[in-house]
Amino acid sequence: QVQLVESGGGLVQAGGSLRLSCVTSGGTFSSRTMGWFRQYPGKEREFVATISWNGGLTYYADSVQGRFTTSRDNAKNTVYLQMNNLKPEDTAVYYCAAAPYLALRTMTPGEFDYWGQGTQVTVSS
């Protein structure tokens, strides 16, 4: 049973930083594309970033390009999302997810087959 557990969310002031972590277990993490999504209340999940199995390729949504960085440590079965220069509009529940393939474009939630439970990020103005 594949499990993904996010952590690192919280409350931060605009301009601040947070680092989210997603620890996986029960599967072949190192062979998986990993992605980050966020969800606003009453909205569908929105693509944030994705990273290839070895960390060599990444792709970001335009809204976070240059502010967010995703990375991974396969030895620790962990993927990270470093979020800098946070804005109030970044306030959302953030999810990590695993996919069987990588596409260097905005990926859809349906392309990911395992999901974490989500972690709340709140940015105050």
Protein backbone atom coordinates (compact mmCIF):
# COMPACT_ATOMS: atom_id res chain seq x y z
CA GLN A 1 0.00 0.00 0.00
CA VAL A 2 1.56 3.26 -1.17
CA GLN A 3 1.28 6.10 1.32
CA LEU A 4 2.22 9.74 0.96
CA VAL A 5 2.36 12.01 4.00
CA GLU A 6 2.87 15.77 3.67
CA SER A 7 4.16 18.06 6.38
CA GLY A 8 5.54 21.56 6.77
CA GLY A 9 2.45 23.65 6.19
CA GLY A 10 1.53 26.50 8.46
CA LEU A 11 0.93 30.22 8.79
CA VAL A 12 3.44 32.66 7.34
CA GLN A 13 3.48 36.34 6.48
CA ALA A 14 3.58 37.53 2.89
CA GLY A 15 7.13 37.45 1.61
CA GLY A 16 8.05 34.58 3.87
CA SER A 17 9.05 31.00 3.12
CA LEU A 18 7.92 27.49 3.91
CA ARG A 19 9.24 24.08 2.93
CA LEU A 20 6.81 21.25 2.45
CA SER A 21 7.92 17.65 2.68
CA CYS A 22 6.23 14.53 1.38
CA VAL A 23 7.42 11.18 2.66
CA THR A 24 6.38 8.10 0.74
CA SER A 25 6.26 4.45 1.74
CA GLY A 26 5.06 1.15 0.41
CA GLY A 27 6.05 1.62 -3.20
CA THR A 28 8.85 2.23 -5.66
CA PHE A 29 9.24 5.93 -4.95
CA SER A 30 12.48 6.31 -6.83
CA SER A 31 10.86 5.34 -10.14
CA ARG A 32 7.92 7.70 -9.80
CA THR A 33 7.27 11.18 -11.08
CA MET A 34 6.16 13.28 -8.14
CA GLY A 35 3.91 16.30 -8.30
CA TRP A 36 2.50 19.07 -6.15
CA PHE A 37 -1.01 20.45 -6.40
CA ARG A 38 -2.98 22.95 -4.38
CA GLN A 39 -6.65 23.39 -3.77
CA TYR A 40 -8.65 26.48 -2.87
CA PRO A 41 -11.99 26.10 -1.08
CA GLY A 42 -14.67 25.08 -3.53
CA LYS A 43 -12.19 24.74 -6.40
CA GLU A 44 -10.56 21.83 -8.18
CA ARG A 45 -6.97 20.92 -7.50
CA GLU A 46 -4.50 23.11 -9.35
CA PHE A 47 -1.15 21.96 -10.69
CA VAL A 48 1.88 23.52 -8.96
CA ALA A 49 4.98 21.54 -9.94
CA THR A 50 6.31 18.19 -10.99
CA ILE A 51 9.68 16.47 -10.77
CA SER A 52 11.08 13.48 -12.65
CA TRP A 53 12.10 10.24 -10.98
CA ASN A 54 15.73 11.28 -10.62
CA GLY A 55 15.12 14.97 -9.98
CA GLY A 56 16.74 15.97 -13.23
CA LEU A 57 13.63 17.50 -14.77
CA THR A 58 11.11 19.84 -13.22
CA TYR A 59 8.16 21.85 -14.45
CA TYR A 60 6.26 24.63 -12.71
CA ALA A 61 3.00 26.44 -13.07
CA ASP A 62 3.47 30.01 -14.27
CA SER A 63 2.01 31.31 -11.02
CA VAL A 64 4.86 29.84 -8.94
CA GLN A 65 7.74 29.87 -11.43
CA GLY A 66 10.76 31.54 -9.88
CA ARG A 67 9.35 31.37 -6.34
CA PHE A 68 8.83 27.66 -5.73
CA THR A 69 11.38 24.86 -6.14
CA THR A 70 10.72 21.15 -5.96
CA SER A 71 13.42 18.61 -5.21
CA ARG A 72 13.68 15.03 -4.04
CA ASP A 73 15.89 12.72 -2.02
CA ASN A 74 15.29 9.18 -3.19
CA ALA A 75 17.40 7.77 -0.38
CA LYS A 76 14.88 9.25 2.05
CA ASN A 77 11.81 8.59 -0.13
CA THR A 78 11.01 12.28 0.23
CA VAL A 79 10.05 15.07 -2.13
CA TYR A 80 10.18 18.73 -1.15
CA LEU A 81 8.53 21.97 -2.18
CA GLN A 82 10.46 25.07 -1.17
CA MET A 83 8.16 28.06 -1.32
CA ASN A 84 9.72 31.52 -1.21
CA ASN A 85 8.26 35.01 -1.48
CA LEU A 86 4.87 33.66 -0.53
CA LYS A 87 1.78 35.66 -1.42
CA PRO A 88 -1.72 35.63 0.10
CA GLU A 89 -2.99 33.98 -3.08
CA ASP A 90 -0.76 30.99 -2.32
CA THR A 91 -3.07 30.18 0.60
CA ALA A 92 -4.46 26.70 -0.09
CA VAL A 93 -4.24 23.06 0.88
CA TYR A 94 -1.16 21.56 -0.76
CA TYR A 95 -1.00 17.95 -1.88
CA CYS A 96 1.80 15.74 -3.12
CA ALA A 97 1.06 12.98 -5.57
CA ALA A 98 2.78 10.21 -7.52
CA ALA A 99 2.46 9.46 -11.22
CA PRO A 100 3.73 6.64 -13.41
CA TYR A 101 5.14 9.03 -16.04
CA LEU A 102 6.40 12.56 -16.52
CA ALA A 103 5.06 15.21 -18.82
CA LEU A 104 6.79 18.59 -19.02
CA ARG A 105 3.56 20.50 -19.07
CA THR A 106 0.70 21.25 -16.70
CA MET A 107 -0.30 17.79 -15.56
CA THR A 108 -3.84 17.00 -14.48
CA PRO A 109 -4.90 15.38 -11.20
CA GLY A 110 -6.17 12.36 -13.13
CA GLU A 111 -2.61 11.56 -14.25
CA PHE A 112 -1.56 10.90 -10.64
CA ASP A 113 -2.56 7.69 -8.95
CA TYR A 114 -1.46 8.21 -5.35
CA TRP A 115 -2.12 11.23 -3.16
CA GLY A 116 -1.20 12.54 0.24
CA GLN A 117 -3.73 13.89 2.72
CA GLY A 118 -2.79 17.52 2.19
CA THR A 119 -1.26 20.23 4.35
CA GLN A 120 -2.65 23.73 4.88
CA VAL A 121 -0.58 26.74 3.88
CA THR A 122 -1.87 30.13 4.97
CA VAL A 123 -0.17 33.36 3.93
CA SER A 124 -1.23 36.51 5.75
CA SER A 125 -0.97 39.96 4.18
